[in-house]
Amino acid sequence: MLLRCTTRLLELLGDPVTEDRPASPEAWYANVLWVQRRKCLLVTHAGTLFSVFAPAVRAADLRPLGAFVAPRITQQLVAAGFPADALGPLDPAQATIARTADRQVLGCMND
C-alpha cells in the first residue's frame, strides 16, 4: 500500500517519507484539511478516485498512518458493496509513505 501525502500532512506526521516512486494508479493520496476547526483526513485512490473521509482526527491518531487508514478504507469499501481488497491489498504493515506525484488527483481531492 503506497500512501502519497501532501506537504501539510507530512509536516503533521513529522515527514516520515520512506520512499519515492513514480506516480501509479494503485497509490492512495492523503491530505489533511480543517472543517469547523477540526482536523480531518481525506484519502483518495489514484486510479478510481474512490475517497474516504475521516472527520475529527488527532495527529497522534495518524501515527502510524497505514494502521489508521487501512481499516477505514476497508470499512468504506465494504459499506459501498465492494470486496475489501477491490482496490488492491491494504496491509498496514506494508504501507509506504511518499510525496504526492500527480496534480490531477490532488485537483480532484480539492474539488
Foldseek 3Di string as FASTA:
>chain_A
DEEAEEPVLCVLQVNPADDADADDQLYKYKYWDDDPNAIKIWIARNNPRDIFIGTRDDSVLCVVVLVNPLVRQLVVCVVVPHHSQPSHDSDSVPYGYHHDHDVVSVVVVVD
